[in-house]
Amino acid sequence: MSCYDAYVQDFDVQAVGFANPTDVRSIVVGESNSFRTGVALGGVIHNDTDRPVDFSVDYSLVNAETYSKFKSHTFSYISALFRDVPSIEALPASMYSLLTPGKEGGRTVVKAGSHVGEIRIDLAPSFLEDNANIFPHYVIPLRISDAHGTQVMDGHESSVIGVRFECMLFGSWWHGGEMSITDDGGNVLEKKTFYTEIPEPDTRVWTLTTVGAKRVSANAVGDELNGTKAQMSLTLGDNGQISVSAVPGADYVVEQDGECRYNQARLLQDRKLFLQYKYTKDGKVCHVKDTLTFRNRIRDGVNEWQDENKENY
């Protein structure tokens, strides 16, 4: 009880700063081309005044020391993303919108009643044209330039943000479907059915991995799951249409065998994929009709299993 006042009284010093000196943010293509970062206010329980905070892009932060911090980051999902990133470079100004045109700096405000001042960053369509940008080799380096009387937290004066994108179809999906096995003449030799069960063992859950702005690879084919190895490619087209194609090194050569589509549901938990494809195994042709039901996805270390955007309800 003697320490209670420490929890209900303001500190002598109030300060602002970036929460993460090094961070990674991902946009999902087709859902949003922007993300938000910002500065946080500490040391005060009830913020009763607007606190402007000026910031600028500081290219001096893009260096070997910052790169090393990404490689050995405390957050495992960040260090894992940088495992195959050989170096970092500043994202060209033409690829994002942050500052008012003609200005060298920007401003956010920690408004009265809030402890956060948001900074919105919009990525240009050109950022999505290079599949290398599924990895965060491009960074946006920000530094607080003036807190207008509010102190700045030591060690949190700046934030270097790696940026990347994910395809809308990435994540983990419940699997169900049916398979007809035929001979070369088209005669049905066997039929299999694999029902969707929720929940179902992880050994039956498919992982779709981003390989392009509108393309993912699947680690499974038919009723066979193969770890992280890509077994086929799914490309999202217009109006929810999907193209299925083979990938190098897969166990089988997969071909599309009918209409494939995404149901275009706005809510994550309502999303489904319907696939029809075929492949040859042991001299027999496997004709597959699959239904994939969205389970969850991990984005920037956050488990997203249902839609949190109120505008989608």
C-alpha atoms as a PDB file:
ATOM      1  CA  MET A   1       0.000   0.000   0.000  1.00  0.00           C
ATOM      2  CA  SER A   2       2.940   2.319   0.592  1.00  0.00           C
ATOM      3  CA  CYS A   3       3.677   2.401  -3.159  1.00  0.00           C
ATOM      4  CA  TYR A   4       0.119   3.117  -4.302  1.00  0.00           C
ATOM      5  CA  ASP A   5       0.770   6.796  -5.013  1.00  0.00           C
ATOM      6  CA  ALA A   6       3.306   5.784  -7.671  1.00  0.00           C
ATOM      7  CA  TYR A   7       0.434   4.318  -9.691  1.00  0.00           C
ATOM      8  CA  VAL A   8      -2.081   7.145  -9.372  1.00  0.00           C
ATOM      9  CA  GLN A   9       0.091  10.242  -9.569  1.00  0.00           C
ATOM     10  CA  ASP A  10       1.861  11.743 -12.556  1.00  0.00           C
ATOM     11  CA  PHE A  11       5.621  11.484 -12.761  1.00  0.00           C
ATOM     12  CA  ASP A  12       7.688  14.631 -12.412  1.00  0.00           C
ATOM     13  CA  VAL A  13       8.725  14.201 -16.043  1.00  0.00           C
ATOM     14  CA  GLN A  14       6.425  13.603 -18.997  1.00  0.00           C
ATOM     15  CA  ALA A  15       8.043  12.520 -22.247  1.00  0.00           C
ATOM     16  CA  VAL A  16       7.194  11.345 -25.750  1.00  0.00           C
ATOM     17  CA  GLY A  17       8.956   8.810 -27.939  1.00  0.00           C
ATOM     18  CA  PHE A  18       8.605   6.052 -30.507  1.00  0.00           C
ATOM     19  CA  ALA A  19       7.658   2.733 -28.908  1.00  0.00           C
ATOM     20  CA  ASN A  20      10.004   0.673 -31.096  1.00  0.00           C
ATOM     21  CA  PRO A  21      13.349   2.079 -32.306  1.00  0.00           C
ATOM     22  CA  THR A  22      13.315  -0.645 -34.980  1.00  0.00           C
ATOM     23  CA  ASP A  23      10.067  -2.074 -36.283  1.00  0.00           C
ATOM     24  CA  VAL A  24       8.467  -3.841 -39.265  1.00  0.00           C
ATOM     25  CA  ARG A  25       5.058  -3.028 -40.692  1.00  0.00           C
ATOM     26  CA  SER A  26       3.177  -5.016 -43.350  1.00  0.00           C
ATOM     27  CA  ILE A  27       0.319  -3.971 -45.597  1.00  0.00           C
ATOM     28  CA  VAL A  28      -2.082  -6.529 -47.060  1.00  0.00           C
ATOM     29  CA  VAL A  29      -2.592  -5.970 -50.781  1.00  0.00           C
ATOM     30  CA  GLY A  30      -6.241  -5.331 -51.550  1.00  0.00           C
ATOM     31  CA  GLU A  31      -7.138  -4.445 -47.955  1.00  0.00           C
ATOM     32  CA  SER A  32      -5.131  -1.281 -47.329  1.00  0.00           C
ATOM     33  CA  ASN A  33      -2.098   0.455 -48.786  1.00  0.00           C
ATOM     34  CA  SER A  34      -1.344   2.329 -45.554  1.00  0.00           C
ATOM     35  CA  PHE A  35      -0.269   1.723 -41.980  1.00  0.00           C
ATOM     36  CA  ARG A  36       0.008   3.823 -38.845  1.00  0.00           C
ATOM     37  CA  THR A  37       2.905   4.338 -36.496  1.00  0.00           C
ATOM     38  CA  GLY A  38       3.394   7.167 -34.029  1.00  0.00           C
ATOM     39  CA  VAL A  39       4.745   8.550 -30.784  1.00  0.00           C
ATOM     40  CA  ALA A  40       3.550   7.698 -27.290  1.00  0.00           C
ATOM     41  CA  LEU A  41       3.309   9.910 -24.198  1.00  0.00           C
ATOM     42  CA  GLY A  42       4.421   8.589 -20.839  1.00  0.00           C
ATOM     43  CA  GLY A  43       4.581   9.886 -17.291  1.00  0.00           C
ATOM     44  CA  VAL A  44       1.059  11.287 -17.077  1.00  0.00           C
ATOM     45  CA  ILE A  45      -2.161   9.439 -16.255  1.00  0.00           C
ATOM     46  CA  HIS A  46      -4.603  11.945 -17.730  1.00  0.00           C
ATOM     47  CA  ASN A  47      -3.290  14.008 -20.611  1.00  0.00           C
ATOM     48  CA  ASP A  48      -5.223  17.276 -20.500  1.00  0.00           C
ATOM     49  CA  THR A  49      -3.473  19.208 -23.242  1.00  0.00           C
ATOM     50  CA  ASP A  50      -2.595  18.886 -26.931  1.00  0.00           C
ATOM     51  CA  ARG A  51       1.111  18.144 -27.394  1.00  0.00           C
ATOM     52  CA  PRO A  52       2.504  18.748 -30.901  1.00  0.00           C
ATOM     53  CA  VAL A  53       5.471  16.619 -31.932  1.00  0.00           C
ATOM     54  CA  ASP A  54       7.474  17.375 -35.070  1.00  0.00           C
ATOM     55  CA  PHE A  55       9.355  14.639 -36.908  1.00  0.00           C
ATOM     56  CA  SER A  56      11.516  14.272 -39.992  1.00  0.00           C
ATOM     57  CA  VAL A  57      12.998  11.591 -42.229  1.00  0.00           C
ATOM     58  CA  ASP A  58      16.597  11.034 -41.102  1.00  0.00           C
ATOM     59  CA  TYR A  59      18.582   9.051 -43.649  1.00  0.00           C
ATOM     60  CA  SER A  60      21.607   8.857 -41.351  1.00  0.00           C
ATOM     61  CA  LEU A  61      19.711   6.180 -39.407  1.00  0.00           C
ATOM     62  CA  VAL A  62      19.973   3.789 -42.363  1.00  0.00           C
ATOM     63  CA  ASN A  63      23.293   2.201 -41.497  1.00  0.00           C
ATOM     64  CA  ALA A  64      25.037  -1.051 -40.564  1.00  0.00           C
ATOM     65  CA  GLU A  65      24.290  -0.614 -36.859  1.00  0.00           C
ATOM     66  CA  THR A  66      20.542  -0.353 -37.489  1.00  0.00           C
ATOM     67  CA  TYR A  67      20.682  -3.354 -39.826  1.00  0.00           C
ATOM     68  CA  SER A  68      22.410  -5.355 -37.072  1.00  0.00           C
ATOM     69  CA  LYS A  69      19.599  -4.453 -34.642  1.00  0.00           C
ATOM     70  CA  PHE A  70      17.049  -5.825 -37.094  1.00  0.00           C
ATOM     71  CA  LYS A  71      19.016  -9.062 -37.523  1.00  0.00           C
ATOM     72  CA  SER A  72      19.198  -9.643 -33.758  1.00  0.00           C
ATOM     73  CA  HIS A  73      15.834  -8.143 -32.853  1.00  0.00           C
ATOM     74  CA  THR A  74      14.137  -9.090 -29.587  1.00  0.00           C
ATOM     75  CA  PHE A  75      10.956  -9.883 -31.512  1.00  0.00           C
ATOM     76  CA  SER A  76      11.567 -13.215 -33.227  1.00  0.00           C
ATOM     77  CA  TYR A  77       9.209 -12.468 -36.125  1.00  0.00           C
ATOM     78  CA  ILE A  78      11.364  -9.458 -37.068  1.00  0.00           C
ATOM     79  CA  SER A  79      14.706 -11.275 -36.860  1.00  0.00           C
ATOM     80  CA  ALA A  80      13.175 -14.125 -38.889  1.00  0.00           C
ATOM     81  CA  LEU A  81      12.098 -11.710 -41.655  1.00  0.00           C
ATOM     82  CA  PHE A  82      15.647 -10.344 -41.847  1.00  0.00           C
ATOM     83  CA  ARG A  83      17.244 -13.769 -42.099  1.00  0.00           C
ATOM     84  CA  ASP A  84      17.370 -13.461 -45.898  1.00  0.00           C
ATOM     85  CA  VAL A  85      17.721  -9.663 -46.103  1.00  0.00           C
ATOM     86  CA  PRO A  86      21.366  -8.828 -46.949  1.00  0.00           C
ATOM     87  CA  SER A  87      21.129  -5.082 -46.259  1.00  0.00           C
ATOM     88  CA  ILE A  88      18.689  -2.209 -45.765  1.00  0.00           C
ATOM     89  CA  GLU A  89      18.112   0.943 -47.769  1.00  0.00           C
ATOM     90  CA  ALA A  90      15.838   3.930 -47.427  1.00  0.00           C
ATOM     91  CA  LEU A  91      12.511   3.588 -49.192  1.00  0.00           C
ATOM     92  CA  PRO A  92      12.530   6.050 -52.118  1.00  0.00           C
ATOM     93  CA  ALA A  93      10.320   9.069 -51.442  1.00  0.00           C
ATOM     94  CA  SER A  94       8.358   8.300 -54.619  1.00  0.00           C
ATOM     95  CA  MET A  95       7.141   5.031 -53.099  1.00  0.00           C
ATOM     96  CA  TYR A  96       5.319   6.478 -50.094  1.00  0.00           C
ATOM     97  CA  SER A  97       3.434   9.493 -48.839  1.00  0.00           C
ATOM     98  CA  LEU A  98       4.238  10.832 -45.402  1.00  0.00           C
ATOM     99  CA  LEU A  99       5.120  14.501 -45.512  1.00  0.00           C
ATOM    100  CA  THR A 100       3.172  17.399 -46.964  1.00  0.00           C
ATOM    101  CA  PRO A 101       4.515  18.017 -50.505  1.00  0.00           C
ATOM    102  CA  GLY A 102       7.341  20.532 -50.407  1.00  0.00           C
ATOM    103  CA  LYS A 103       7.940  20.044 -46.673  1.00  0.00           C
ATOM    104  CA  GLU A 104      10.997  18.425 -45.106  1.00  0.00           C
ATOM    105  CA  GLY A 105       9.222  17.492 -41.886  1.00  0.00           C
ATOM    106  CA  GLY A 106       5.848  16.560 -40.501  1.00  0.00           C
ATOM    107  CA  ARG A 107       3.853  16.919 -37.293  1.00  0.00           C
ATOM    108  CA  THR A 108       1.629  14.740 -35.186  1.00  0.00           C
ATOM    109  CA  VAL A 109      -0.297  15.757 -32.088  1.00  0.00           C
ATOM    110  CA  VAL A 110      -0.845  13.789 -28.903  1.00  0.00           C
ATOM    111  CA  LYS A 111      -4.298  15.202 -28.309  1.00  0.00           C
ATOM    112  CA  ALA A 112      -5.841  15.874 -24.918  1.00  0.00           C
ATOM    113  CA  GLY A 113      -7.400  12.672 -23.609  1.00  0.00           C
ATOM    114  CA  SER A 114      -4.984  10.505 -25.603  1.00  0.00           C
ATOM    115  CA  HIS A 115      -1.478   9.173 -25.094  1.00  0.00           C
ATOM    116  CA  VAL A 116      -0.662   8.516 -28.749  1.00  0.00           C
ATOM    117  CA  GLY A 117       0.068  10.755 -31.712  1.00  0.00           C
ATOM    118  CA  GLU A 118      -0.486   8.793 -34.925  1.00  0.00           C
ATOM    119  CA  ILE A 119       1.561   9.060 -38.103  1.00  0.00           C
ATOM    120  CA  ARG A 120      -0.039   7.624 -41.233  1.00  0.00           C
ATOM    121  CA  ILE A 121       2.124   6.292 -44.059  1.00  0.00           C
ATOM    122  CA  ASP A 122       0.658   5.485 -47.495  1.00  0.00           C
ATOM    123  CA  LEU A 123       2.584   3.213 -49.847  1.00  0.00           C
ATOM    124  CA  ALA A 124       2.446   3.889 -53.582  1.00  0.00           C
ATOM    125  CA  PRO A 125       1.282   1.259 -56.123  1.00  0.00           C
ATOM    126  CA  SER A 126       4.877   1.082 -57.404  1.00  0.00           C
ATOM    127  CA  PHE A 127       5.888  -0.536 -54.100  1.00  0.00           C
ATOM    128  CA  LEU A 128       3.790  -3.585 -54.999  1.00  0.00           C
ATOM    129  CA  GLU A 129       5.405  -4.092 -58.387  1.00  0.00           C
ATOM    130  CA  ASP A 130       8.551  -5.730 -57.022  1.00  0.00           C
ATOM    131  CA  ASN A 131       8.131  -9.148 -55.386  1.00  0.00           C
ATOM    132  CA  ALA A 132      11.336  -8.508 -53.431  1.00  0.00           C
ATOM    133  CA  ASN A 133       9.246  -6.208 -51.241  1.00  0.00           C
ATOM    134  CA  ILE A 134       7.687  -9.142 -49.448  1.00  0.00           C
ATOM    135  CA  PHE A 135      10.896  -8.758 -47.422  1.00  0.00           C
ATOM    136  CA  PRO A 136      11.570  -5.549 -45.434  1.00  0.00           C
ATOM    137  CA  HIS A 137      14.803  -4.479 -47.107  1.00  0.00           C
ATOM    138  CA  TYR A 138      13.313  -0.999 -47.567  1.00  0.00           C
ATOM    139  CA  VAL A 139      13.010   1.134 -44.422  1.00  0.00           C
ATOM    140  CA  ILE A 140      11.533   4.496 -43.454  1.00  0.00           C
ATOM    141  CA  PRO A 141      13.768   6.281 -40.879  1.00  0.00           C
ATOM    142  CA  LEU A 142      11.942   8.764 -38.631  1.00  0.00           C
ATOM    143  CA  ARG A 143      13.314  11.052 -35.916  1.00  0.00           C
ATOM    144  CA  ILE A 144      11.586  13.425 -33.513  1.00  0.00           C
ATOM    145  CA  SER A 145      12.879  16.897 -34.321  1.00  0.00           C
ATOM    146  CA  ASP A 146      10.919  19.011 -31.831  1.00  0.00           C
ATOM    147  CA  ALA A 147       8.525  18.042 -29.027  1.00  0.00           C
ATOM    148  CA  HIS A 148       7.649  21.682 -28.241  1.00  0.00           C
ATOM    149  CA  GLY A 149       8.427  21.635 -24.540  1.00  0.00           C
ATOM    150  CA  THR A 150       7.673  17.986 -23.824  1.00  0.00           C
ATOM    151  CA  GLN A 151      10.776  15.919 -23.150  1.00  0.00           C
ATOM    152  CA  VAL A 152      11.807  13.105 -25.492  1.00  0.00           C
ATOM    153  CA  MET A 153      12.448   9.641 -24.044  1.00  0.00           C
ATOM    154  CA  ASP A 154      16.099   8.593 -24.121  1.00  0.00           C
ATOM    155  CA  GLY A 155      16.622   5.850 -26.679  1.00  0.00           C
ATOM    156  CA  HIS A 156      13.245   6.453 -28.305  1.00  0.00           C
ATOM    157  CA  GLU A 157      13.986   9.577 -30.304  1.00  0.00           C
ATOM    158  CA  SER A 158      13.834   7.677 -33.574  1.00  0.00           C
ATOM    159  CA  SER A 159      12.218   4.712 -35.283  1.00  0.00           C
ATOM    160  CA  VAL A 160      13.428   2.870 -38.379  1.00  0.00           C
ATOM    161  CA  ILE A 161      10.505   0.973 -39.898  1.00  0.00           C
ATOM    162  CA  GLY A 162      10.988  -1.890 -42.330  1.00  0.00           C
ATOM    163  CA  VAL A 163       8.099  -2.057 -44.797  1.00  0.00           C
ATOM    164  CA  ARG A 164       6.767  -5.034 -46.737  1.00  0.00           C
ATOM    165  CA  PHE A 165       3.561  -6.457 -48.203  1.00  0.00           C
ATOM    166  CA  GLU A 166       1.489  -9.627 -47.940  1.00  0.00           C
ATOM    167  CA  CYS A 167      -0.962 -11.109 -50.428  1.00  0.00           C
ATOM    168  CA  MET A 168      -4.586 -11.054 -49.282  1.00  0.00           C
ATOM    169  CA  LEU A 169      -4.683 -14.877 -49.344  1.00  0.00           C
ATOM    170  CA  PHE A 170      -1.754 -15.508 -46.996  1.00  0.00           C
ATOM    171  CA  GLY A 171      -2.248 -17.367 -43.726  1.00  0.00           C
ATOM    172  CA  SER A 172      -3.505 -20.701 -42.392  1.00  0.00           C
ATOM    173  CA  TRP A 173      -6.626 -22.358 -43.803  1.00  0.00           C
ATOM    174  CA  TRP A 174      -8.817 -25.270 -42.723  1.00  0.00           C
ATOM    175  CA  HIS A 175      -8.943 -27.866 -45.494  1.00  0.00           C
ATOM    176  CA  GLY A 176     -11.623 -30.134 -46.880  1.00  0.00           C
ATOM    177  CA  GLY A 177     -12.495 -31.581 -50.260  1.00  0.00           C
ATOM    178  CA  GLU A 178     -12.835 -34.620 -52.437  1.00  0.00           C
ATOM    179  CA  MET A 179     -10.651 -36.507 -54.874  1.00  0.00           C
ATOM    180  CA  SER A 180     -11.386 -38.789 -57.810  1.00  0.00           C
ATOM    181  CA  ILE A 181      -8.534 -41.022 -58.933  1.00  0.00           C
ATOM    182  CA  THR A 182      -8.729 -42.131 -62.566  1.00  0.00           C
ATOM    183  CA  ASP A 183      -6.645 -44.079 -65.046  1.00  0.00           C
ATOM    184  CA  ASP A 184      -5.378 -42.601 -68.294  1.00  0.00           C
ATOM    185  CA  GLY A 185      -8.704 -43.375 -69.942  1.00  0.00           C
ATOM    186  CA  GLY A 186     -10.698 -41.404 -67.397  1.00  0.00           C
ATOM    187  CA  ASN A 187     -12.148 -44.420 -65.623  1.00  0.00           C
ATOM    188  CA  VAL A 188     -12.695 -43.754 -61.912  1.00  0.00           C
ATOM    189  CA  LEU A 189     -10.640 -46.124 -59.781  1.00  0.00           C
ATOM    190  CA  GLU A 190     -11.193 -44.620 -56.348  1.00  0.00           C
ATOM    191  CA  LYS A 191     -12.884 -41.700 -54.594  1.00  0.00           C
ATOM    192  CA  LYS A 192     -11.754 -39.976 -51.416  1.00  0.00           C
ATOM    193  CA  THR A 193     -13.493 -37.390 -49.271  1.00  0.00           C
ATOM    194  CA  PHE A 194     -11.749 -35.250 -46.641  1.00  0.00           C
ATOM    195  CA  TYR A 195     -14.287 -33.275 -44.653  1.00  0.00           C
ATOM    196  CA  THR A 196     -13.569 -29.860 -43.190  1.00  0.00           C
ATOM    197  CA  GLU A 197     -13.494 -30.100 -39.410  1.00  0.00           C
ATOM    198  CA  ILE A 198     -13.152 -27.004 -37.237  1.00  0.00           C
ATOM    199  CA  PRO A 199     -10.898 -27.286 -35.403  1.00  0.00           C
ATOM    200  CA  GLU A 200      -8.816 -29.871 -37.212  1.00  0.00           C
ATOM    201  CA  PRO A 201      -5.268 -31.146 -36.592  1.00  0.00           C
ATOM    202  CA  ASP A 202      -2.424 -28.893 -37.735  1.00  0.00           C
ATOM    203  CA  THR A 203      -1.343 -31.752 -39.994  1.00  0.00           C
ATOM    204  CA  ARG A 204      -4.353 -30.906 -42.172  1.00  0.00           C
ATOM    205  CA  VAL A 205      -4.135 -27.102 -42.022  1.00  0.00           C
ATOM    206  CA  TRP A 206      -2.785 -25.529 -45.194  1.00  0.00           C
ATOM    207  CA  THR A 207      -0.295 -22.659 -45.131  1.00  0.00           C
ATOM    208  CA  LEU A 208      -0.476 -20.109 -47.941  1.00  0.00           C
ATOM    209  CA  THR A 209       2.723 -18.077 -48.218  1.00  0.00           C
ATOM    210  CA  THR A 210       3.063 -14.760 -50.043  1.00  0.00           C
ATOM    211  CA  VAL A 211       5.287 -14.878 -53.131  1.00  0.00           C
ATOM    212  CA  GLY A 212       3.828 -11.829 -54.902  1.00  0.00           C
ATOM    213  CA  ALA A 213       1.286  -9.059 -54.486  1.00  0.00           C
ATOM    214  CA  LYS A 214      -1.477 -11.339 -55.784  1.00  0.00           C
ATOM    215  CA  ARG A 215       0.158 -14.735 -55.525  1.00  0.00           C
ATOM    216  CA  VAL A 216       0.733 -17.320 -52.799  1.00  0.00           C
ATOM    217  CA  SER A 217       2.232 -20.788 -52.690  1.00  0.00           C
ATOM    218  CA  ALA A 218       0.466 -23.668 -50.933  1.00  0.00           C
ATOM    219  CA  ASN A 219       2.369 -26.268 -48.916  1.00  0.00           C
ATOM    220  CA  ALA A 220      -0.153 -29.003 -49.700  1.00  0.00           C
ATOM    221  CA  VAL A 221      -1.815 -30.809 -52.564  1.00  0.00           C
ATOM    222  CA  GLY A 222      -4.856 -33.084 -52.323  1.00  0.00           C
ATOM    223  CA  ASP A 223      -4.685 -34.845 -48.970  1.00  0.00           C
ATOM    224  CA  GLU A 224      -0.891 -34.520 -48.706  1.00  0.00           C
ATOM    225  CA  LEU A 225       0.766 -31.848 -46.548  1.00  0.00           C
ATOM    226  CA  ASN A 226       4.484 -31.285 -46.995  1.00  0.00           C
ATOM    227  CA  GLY A 227       5.871 -28.988 -44.310  1.00  0.00           C
ATOM    228  CA  THR A 228       6.999 -25.686 -45.784  1.00  0.00           C
ATOM    229  CA  LYS A 229       7.666 -27.009 -49.284  1.00  0.00           C
ATOM    230  CA  ALA A 230       5.609 -25.268 -51.990  1.00  0.00           C
ATOM    231  CA  GLN A 231       3.341 -27.672 -53.866  1.00  0.00           C
ATOM    232  CA  MET A 232       1.395 -25.295 -56.122  1.00  0.00           C
ATOM    233  CA  SER A 233       0.834 -21.620 -56.832  1.00  0.00           C
ATOM    234  CA  LEU A 234      -2.416 -19.652 -56.484  1.00  0.00           C
ATOM    235  CA  THR A 235      -2.775 -16.325 -58.289  1.00  0.00           C
ATOM    236  CA  LEU A 236      -5.658 -13.999 -57.420  1.00  0.00           C
ATOM    237  CA  GLY A 237      -7.229 -12.336 -60.449  1.00  0.00           C
ATOM    238  CA  ASP A 238     -10.185 -10.057 -61.047  1.00  0.00           C
ATOM    239  CA  ASN A 239     -13.578 -10.675 -59.397  1.00  0.00           C
ATOM    240  CA  GLY A 240     -12.156 -13.317 -57.089  1.00  0.00           C
ATOM    241  CA  GLN A 241     -10.975 -15.650 -59.841  1.00  0.00           C
ATOM    242  CA  ILE A 242      -7.946 -17.797 -58.972  1.00  0.00           C
ATOM    243  CA  SER A 243      -5.430 -19.428 -61.283  1.00  0.00           C
ATOM    244  CA  VAL A 244      -3.737 -22.617 -60.118  1.00  0.00           C
ATOM    245  CA  SER A 245      -0.325 -23.521 -61.510  1.00  0.00           C
ATOM    246  CA  ALA A 246       2.668 -25.752 -60.857  1.00  0.00           C
ATOM    247  CA  VAL A 247       5.790 -24.667 -58.987  1.00  0.00           C
ATOM    248  CA  PRO A 248       9.382 -25.873 -59.494  1.00  0.00           C
ATOM    249  CA  GLY A 249      10.512 -28.591 -57.101  1.00  0.00           C
ATOM    250  CA  ALA A 250       7.016 -29.702 -56.081  1.00  0.00           C
ATOM    251  CA  ASP A 251       6.176 -33.375 -55.661  1.00  0.00           C
ATOM    252  CA  TYR A 252       3.686 -33.247 -58.542  1.00  0.00           C
ATOM    253  CA  VAL A 253       2.943 -31.112 -61.585  1.00  0.00           C
ATOM    254  CA  VAL A 254      -0.360 -29.447 -60.693  1.00  0.00           C
ATOM    255  CA  GLU A 255      -2.749 -28.185 -63.373  1.00  0.00           C
ATOM    256  CA  GLN A 256      -6.005 -26.288 -63.032  1.00  0.00           C
ATOM    257  CA  ASP A 257      -9.004 -28.557 -63.634  1.00  0.00           C
ATOM    258  CA  GLY A 258     -12.035 -26.249 -63.481  1.00  0.00           C
ATOM    259  CA  GLU A 259     -13.134 -22.940 -62.005  1.00  0.00           C
ATOM    260  CA  CYS A 260     -11.172 -21.735 -58.986  1.00  0.00           C
ATOM    261  CA  ARG A 261     -12.280 -18.734 -56.965  1.00  0.00           C
ATOM    262  CA  TYR A 262     -12.124 -16.724 -53.766  1.00  0.00           C
ATOM    263  CA  ASN A 263     -15.508 -15.795 -52.276  1.00  0.00           C
ATOM    264  CA  GLN A 264     -14.393 -12.152 -51.706  1.00  0.00           C
ATOM    265  CA  ALA A 265     -15.862 -11.990 -48.200  1.00  0.00           C
ATOM    266  CA  ARG A 266     -15.020  -8.746 -46.395  1.00  0.00           C
ATOM    267  CA  LEU A 267     -14.675 -10.421 -42.982  1.00  0.00           C
ATOM    268  CA  LEU A 268     -11.572 -12.522 -42.450  1.00  0.00           C
ATOM    269  CA  GLN A 269     -13.514 -15.299 -40.724  1.00  0.00           C
ATOM    270  CA  ASP A 270     -15.930 -15.626 -43.666  1.00  0.00           C
ATOM    271  CA  ARG A 271     -13.294 -16.095 -46.364  1.00  0.00           C
ATOM    272  CA  LYS A 272     -13.193 -19.281 -48.438  1.00  0.00           C
ATOM    273  CA  LEU A 273     -11.272 -20.566 -51.447  1.00  0.00           C
ATOM    274  CA  PHE A 274     -12.680 -23.099 -53.918  1.00  0.00           C
ATOM    275  CA  LEU A 275     -10.070 -24.926 -55.990  1.00  0.00           C
ATOM    276  CA  GLN A 276     -10.205 -27.514 -58.765  1.00  0.00           C
ATOM    277  CA  TYR A 277      -6.961 -29.029 -60.023  1.00  0.00           C
ATOM    278  CA  LYS A 278      -5.337 -32.283 -61.055  1.00  0.00           C
ATOM    279  CA  TYR A 279      -1.978 -34.014 -60.906  1.00  0.00           C
ATOM    280  CA  THR A 280      -0.534 -37.417 -61.788  1.00  0.00           C
ATOM    281  CA  LYS A 281       0.697 -39.785 -59.094  1.00  0.00           C
ATOM    282  CA  ASP A 282       1.977 -43.324 -59.676  1.00  0.00           C
ATOM    283  CA  GLY A 283       0.580 -43.284 -63.209  1.00  0.00           C
ATOM    284  CA  LYS A 284      -2.891 -42.317 -62.036  1.00  0.00           C
ATOM    285  CA  VAL A 285      -4.614 -38.930 -62.362  1.00  0.00           C
ATOM    286  CA  CYS A 286      -5.907 -37.275 -59.184  1.00  0.00           C
ATOM    287  CA  HIS A 287      -8.784 -34.828 -59.769  1.00  0.00           C
ATOM    288  CA  VAL A 288      -9.265 -32.653 -56.686  1.00  0.00           C
ATOM    289  CA  LYS A 289     -11.972 -30.250 -55.543  1.00  0.00           C
ATOM    290  CA  ASP A 290     -10.854 -28.379 -52.421  1.00  0.00           C
ATOM    291  CA  THR A 291     -12.522 -25.927 -50.061  1.00  0.00           C
ATOM    292  CA  LEU A 292     -10.203 -23.829 -47.888  1.00  0.00           C
ATOM    293  CA  THR A 293     -11.723 -21.960 -44.944  1.00  0.00           C
ATOM    294  CA  PHE A 294      -9.764 -19.127 -43.341  1.00  0.00           C
ATOM    295  CA  ARG A 295      -8.377 -19.967 -39.891  1.00  0.00           C
ATOM    296  CA  ASN A 296      -5.861 -17.229 -38.986  1.00  0.00           C
ATOM    297  CA  ARG A 297      -2.812 -15.298 -40.111  1.00  0.00           C
ATOM    298  CA  ILE A 298       0.149 -13.784 -38.264  1.00  0.00           C
ATOM    299  CA  ARG A 299       0.919 -10.209 -39.329  1.00  0.00           C
ATOM    300  CA  ASP A 300       3.628  -8.153 -37.626  1.00  0.00           C
ATOM    301  CA  GLY A 301       3.581 -10.583 -34.723  1.00  0.00           C
ATOM    302  CA  VAL A 302      -0.190 -10.281 -34.227  1.00  0.00           C
ATOM    303  CA  ASN A 303      -2.531 -13.257 -34.563  1.00  0.00           C
ATOM    304  CA  GLU A 304      -5.413 -12.114 -36.788  1.00  0.00           C
ATOM    305  CA  TRP A 305      -8.249 -14.642 -36.677  1.00  0.00           C
ATOM    306  CA  GLN A 306     -11.267 -12.412 -37.122  1.00  0.00           C
ATOM    307  CA  ASP A 307     -11.825  -9.036 -38.723  1.00  0.00           C
ATOM    308  CA  GLU A 308     -11.341  -6.082 -36.370  1.00  0.00           C
ATOM    309  CA  ASN A 309     -12.270  -3.351 -38.870  1.00  0.00           C
ATOM    310  CA  LYS A 310     -15.646  -2.012 -37.764  1.00  0.00           C
ATOM    311  CA  GLU A 311     -16.289  -0.686 -41.277  1.00  0.00           C
ATOM    312  CA  ASN A 312     -16.419  -4.273 -42.550  1.00  0.00           C
ATOM    313  CA  TYR A 313     -19.368  -5.245 -40.344  1.00  0.00           C
END
